[in-house]
C-alpha atoms as a PDB file:
ATOM      1  CA  UNK A   1       0.000   0.000   0.000  1.00  0.00           C
ATOM      2  CA  UNK A   2       1.432   3.347  -0.946  1.00  0.00           C
ATOM      3  CA  UNK A   3       1.276   6.388   1.321  1.00  0.00           C
ATOM      4  CA  UNK A   4      -1.442   8.052  -0.789  1.00  0.00           C
ATOM      5  CA  UNK A   5      -3.711   5.063  -0.081  1.00  0.00           C
ATOM      6  CA  UNK A   6      -3.531   6.015   3.602  1.00  0.00           C
ATOM      7  CA  UNK A   7      -4.968   9.466   3.039  1.00  0.00           C
ATOM      8  CA  UNK A   8      -8.029  10.740   4.844  1.00  0.00           C
ATOM      9  CA  UNK A   9     -10.873  11.838   2.580  1.00  0.00           C
ATOM     10  CA  UNK A  10     -12.402  15.239   3.324  1.00  0.00           C
ATOM     11  CA  UNK A  11     -15.867  13.753   2.806  1.00  0.00           C
ATOM     12  CA  UNK A  12     -17.582  10.457   2.004  1.00  0.00           C
ATOM     13  CA  UNK A  13     -16.208   9.457  -1.424  1.00  0.00           C
ATOM     14  CA  UNK A  14     -19.388   9.236  -3.506  1.00  0.00           C
ATOM     15  CA  UNK A  15     -19.827  10.872  -6.886  1.00  0.00           C
ATOM     16  CA  UNK A  16     -22.558  13.137  -5.502  1.00  0.00           C
ATOM     17  CA  UNK A  17     -20.048  14.448  -2.944  1.00  0.00           C
ATOM     18  CA  UNK A  18     -17.154  14.632  -5.411  1.00  0.00           C
ATOM     19  CA  UNK A  19     -19.373  16.704  -7.676  1.00  0.00           C
ATOM     20  CA  UNK A  20     -20.885  18.963  -4.992  1.00  0.00           C
ATOM     21  CA  UNK A  21     -17.796  19.468  -2.837  1.00  0.00           C
ATOM     22  CA  UNK A  22     -14.977  19.481  -5.397  1.00  0.00           C
ATOM     23  CA  UNK A  23     -15.936  19.611  -9.076  1.00  0.00           C
ATOM     24  CA  UNK A  24     -18.728  22.202  -8.955  1.00  0.00           C
ATOM     25  CA  UNK A  25     -17.026  24.718  -6.644  1.00  0.00           C
ATOM     26  CA  UNK A  26     -13.448  24.273  -7.910  1.00  0.00           C
ATOM     27  CA  UNK A  27     -13.814  23.389 -11.579  1.00  0.00           C
ATOM     28  CA  UNK A  28     -17.137  24.828 -12.724  1.00  0.00           C
ATOM     29  CA  UNK A  29     -17.477  28.176 -10.989  1.00  0.00           C
ATOM     30  CA  UNK A  30     -19.089  30.279 -13.694  1.00  0.00           C
ATOM     31  CA  UNK A  31     -16.803  32.875 -15.222  1.00  0.00           C
ATOM     32  CA  UNK A  32     -13.547  31.712 -13.666  1.00  0.00           C
ATOM     33  CA  UNK A  33     -13.242  27.962 -14.161  1.00  0.00           C
ATOM     34  CA  UNK A  34     -12.176  25.750 -17.037  1.00  0.00           C
ATOM     35  CA  UNK A  35     -15.118  23.363 -16.953  1.00  0.00           C
ATOM     36  CA  UNK A  36     -17.978  25.865 -16.835  1.00  0.00           C
ATOM     37  CA  UNK A  37     -19.358  27.522 -19.957  1.00  0.00           C
ATOM     38  CA  UNK A  38     -16.278  26.823 -22.094  1.00  0.00           C
ATOM     39  CA  UNK A  39     -16.220  23.162 -21.099  1.00  0.00           C
ATOM     40  CA  UNK A  40     -12.470  22.757 -21.579  1.00  0.00           C
ATOM     41  CA  UNK A  41     -11.622  19.409 -23.195  1.00  0.00           C
ATOM     42  CA  UNK A  42     -15.343  18.745 -23.589  1.00  0.00           C
ATOM     43  CA  UNK A  43     -15.792  18.345 -19.833  1.00  0.00           C
ATOM     44  CA  UNK A  44     -18.589  20.423 -18.321  1.00  0.00           C
ATOM     45  CA  UNK A  45     -19.050  20.253 -14.563  1.00  0.00           C
ATOM     46  CA  UNK A  46     -22.051  22.584 -14.316  1.00  0.00           C
ATOM     47  CA  UNK A  47     -24.562  19.770 -13.835  1.00  0.00           C
ATOM     48  CA  UNK A  48     -24.012  16.489 -11.973  1.00  0.00           C
ATOM     49  CA  UNK A  49     -25.370  14.052 -14.579  1.00  0.00           C
ATOM     50  CA  UNK A  50     -23.488  15.729 -17.430  1.00  0.00           C
ATOM     51  CA  UNK A  51     -20.306  15.805 -15.348  1.00  0.00           C
ATOM     52  CA  UNK A  52     -20.467  12.081 -14.666  1.00  0.00           C
ATOM     53  CA  UNK A  53     -21.182  11.284 -18.314  1.00  0.00           C
ATOM     54  CA  UNK A  54     -18.342  13.548 -19.479  1.00  0.00           C
ATOM     55  CA  UNK A  55     -15.815  11.947 -17.120  1.00  0.00           C
ATOM     56  CA  UNK A  56     -16.845   8.479 -18.306  1.00  0.00           C
ATOM     57  CA  UNK A  57     -17.012   9.332 -22.005  1.00  0.00           C
ATOM     58  CA  UNK A  58     -13.644  11.097 -22.070  1.00  0.00           C
ATOM     59  CA  UNK A  59     -12.009   8.292 -20.075  1.00  0.00           C
ATOM     60  CA  UNK A  60     -10.808  10.771 -17.486  1.00  0.00           C
ATOM     61  CA  UNK A  61     -11.660   8.220 -14.827  1.00  0.00           C
ATOM     62  CA  UNK A  62     -10.585   4.570 -14.877  1.00  0.00           C
ATOM     63  CA  UNK A  63     -12.868   2.697 -12.486  1.00  0.00           C
ATOM     64  CA  UNK A  64     -10.870   0.878  -9.792  1.00  0.00           C
ATOM     65  CA  UNK A  65      -7.686   2.533 -11.071  1.00  0.00           C
ATOM     66  CA  UNK A  66      -7.097   5.958  -9.572  1.00  0.00           C
ATOM     67  CA  UNK A  67      -3.403   5.877 -10.467  1.00  0.00           C
ATOM     68  CA  UNK A  68      -4.337   5.199 -14.105  1.00  0.00           C
ATOM     69  CA  UNK A  69      -6.973   7.930 -14.223  1.00  0.00           C
ATOM     70  CA  UNK A  70      -5.983  11.105 -16.079  1.00  0.00           C
ATOM     71  CA  UNK A  71      -8.144  13.095 -13.653  1.00  0.00           C
ATOM     72  CA  UNK A  72      -6.069  11.980 -10.657  1.00  0.00           C
ATOM     73  CA  UNK A  73      -2.803  12.423 -12.550  1.00  0.00           C
ATOM     74  CA  UNK A  74      -3.736  16.052 -13.190  1.00  0.00           C
ATOM     75  CA  UNK A  75      -5.028  16.680  -9.659  1.00  0.00           C
ATOM     76  CA  UNK A  76      -1.737  15.390  -8.211  1.00  0.00           C
ATOM     77  CA  UNK A  77       0.614  16.957 -10.770  1.00  0.00           C
ATOM     78  CA  UNK A  78       3.277  19.355  -9.554  1.00  0.00           C
ATOM     79  CA  UNK A  79       3.872  20.844 -13.005  1.00  0.00           C
ATOM     80  CA  UNK A  80       1.718  23.962 -13.249  1.00  0.00           C
ATOM     81  CA  UNK A  81       1.067  23.341 -16.951  1.00  0.00           C
ATOM     82  CA  UNK A  82      -0.533  19.963 -16.228  1.00  0.00           C
ATOM     83  CA  UNK A  83      -2.010  20.455 -12.766  1.00  0.00           C
ATOM     84  CA  UNK A  84      -5.720  20.942 -12.237  1.00  0.00           C
ATOM     85  CA  UNK A  85      -6.994  23.311 -11.179  1.00  0.00           C
ATOM     86  CA  UNK A  86      -4.474  25.664 -12.782  1.00  0.00           C
ATOM     87  CA  UNK A  87      -2.510  27.847 -10.429  1.00  0.00           C
ATOM     88  CA  UNK A  88      -3.300  25.953  -7.256  1.00  0.00           C
ATOM     89  CA  UNK A  89      -3.736  22.515  -5.774  1.00  0.00           C
ATOM     90  CA  UNK A  90      -6.859  21.112  -4.202  1.00  0.00           C
ATOM     91  CA  UNK A  91      -6.727  20.246  -0.510  1.00  0.00           C
ATOM     92  CA  UNK A  92      -5.255  16.788   0.082  1.00  0.00           C
ATOM     93  CA  UNK A  93      -8.509  15.518   1.621  1.00  0.00           C
ATOM     94  CA  UNK A  94     -10.472  16.405  -1.522  1.00  0.00           C
ATOM     95  CA  UNK A  95      -7.972  14.670  -3.790  1.00  0.00           C
ATOM     96  CA  UNK A  96      -8.126  11.689  -1.443  1.00  0.00           C
ATOM     97  CA  UNK A  97     -11.925  11.567  -1.732  1.00  0.00           C
ATOM     98  CA  UNK A  98     -11.673  11.619  -5.543  1.00  0.00           C
ATOM     99  CA  UNK A  99      -9.089   8.791  -5.445  1.00  0.00           C
ATOM    100  CA  UNK A 100     -11.235   6.715  -3.075  1.00  0.00           C
ATOM    101  CA  UNK A 101     -14.351   7.210  -5.219  1.00  0.00           C
ATOM    102  CA  UNK A 102     -12.449   5.993  -8.291  1.00  0.00           C
ATOM    103  CA  UNK A 103     -10.835   3.069  -6.456  1.00  0.00           C
ATOM    104  CA  UNK A 104     -14.306   1.993  -5.287  1.00  0.00           C
ATOM    105  CA  UNK A 105     -15.423   1.667  -8.916  1.00  0.00           C
ATOM    106  CA  UNK A 106     -16.310   5.281  -9.804  1.00  0.00           C
ATOM    107  CA  UNK A 107     -19.988   4.494  -9.492  1.00  0.00           C
ATOM    108  CA  UNK A 108     -22.783   6.973  -9.948  1.00  0.00           C
END
């Protein structure tokens, strides 16, 4: 088990929580975020059902494989050109919740 697997999630790792507590406020804030109106890379996080479908369709999430999921790779990146969200990192507990949700099968 790697150290990241021992993290403490900031909230219960369900998609509803990942959407409401991380994606919507950090990635889809209208006017300032990449996945709002412009839907960068075809990923819109303005609405929960569309967000889930977009993550699945674009293969941003690999169920049961957080380390293989492009979403997690970008959330954990240290290179500012690759890291999401740009210019800052999410709190460790939020990234942990995203990882745990994916590792549990990334279910809706």
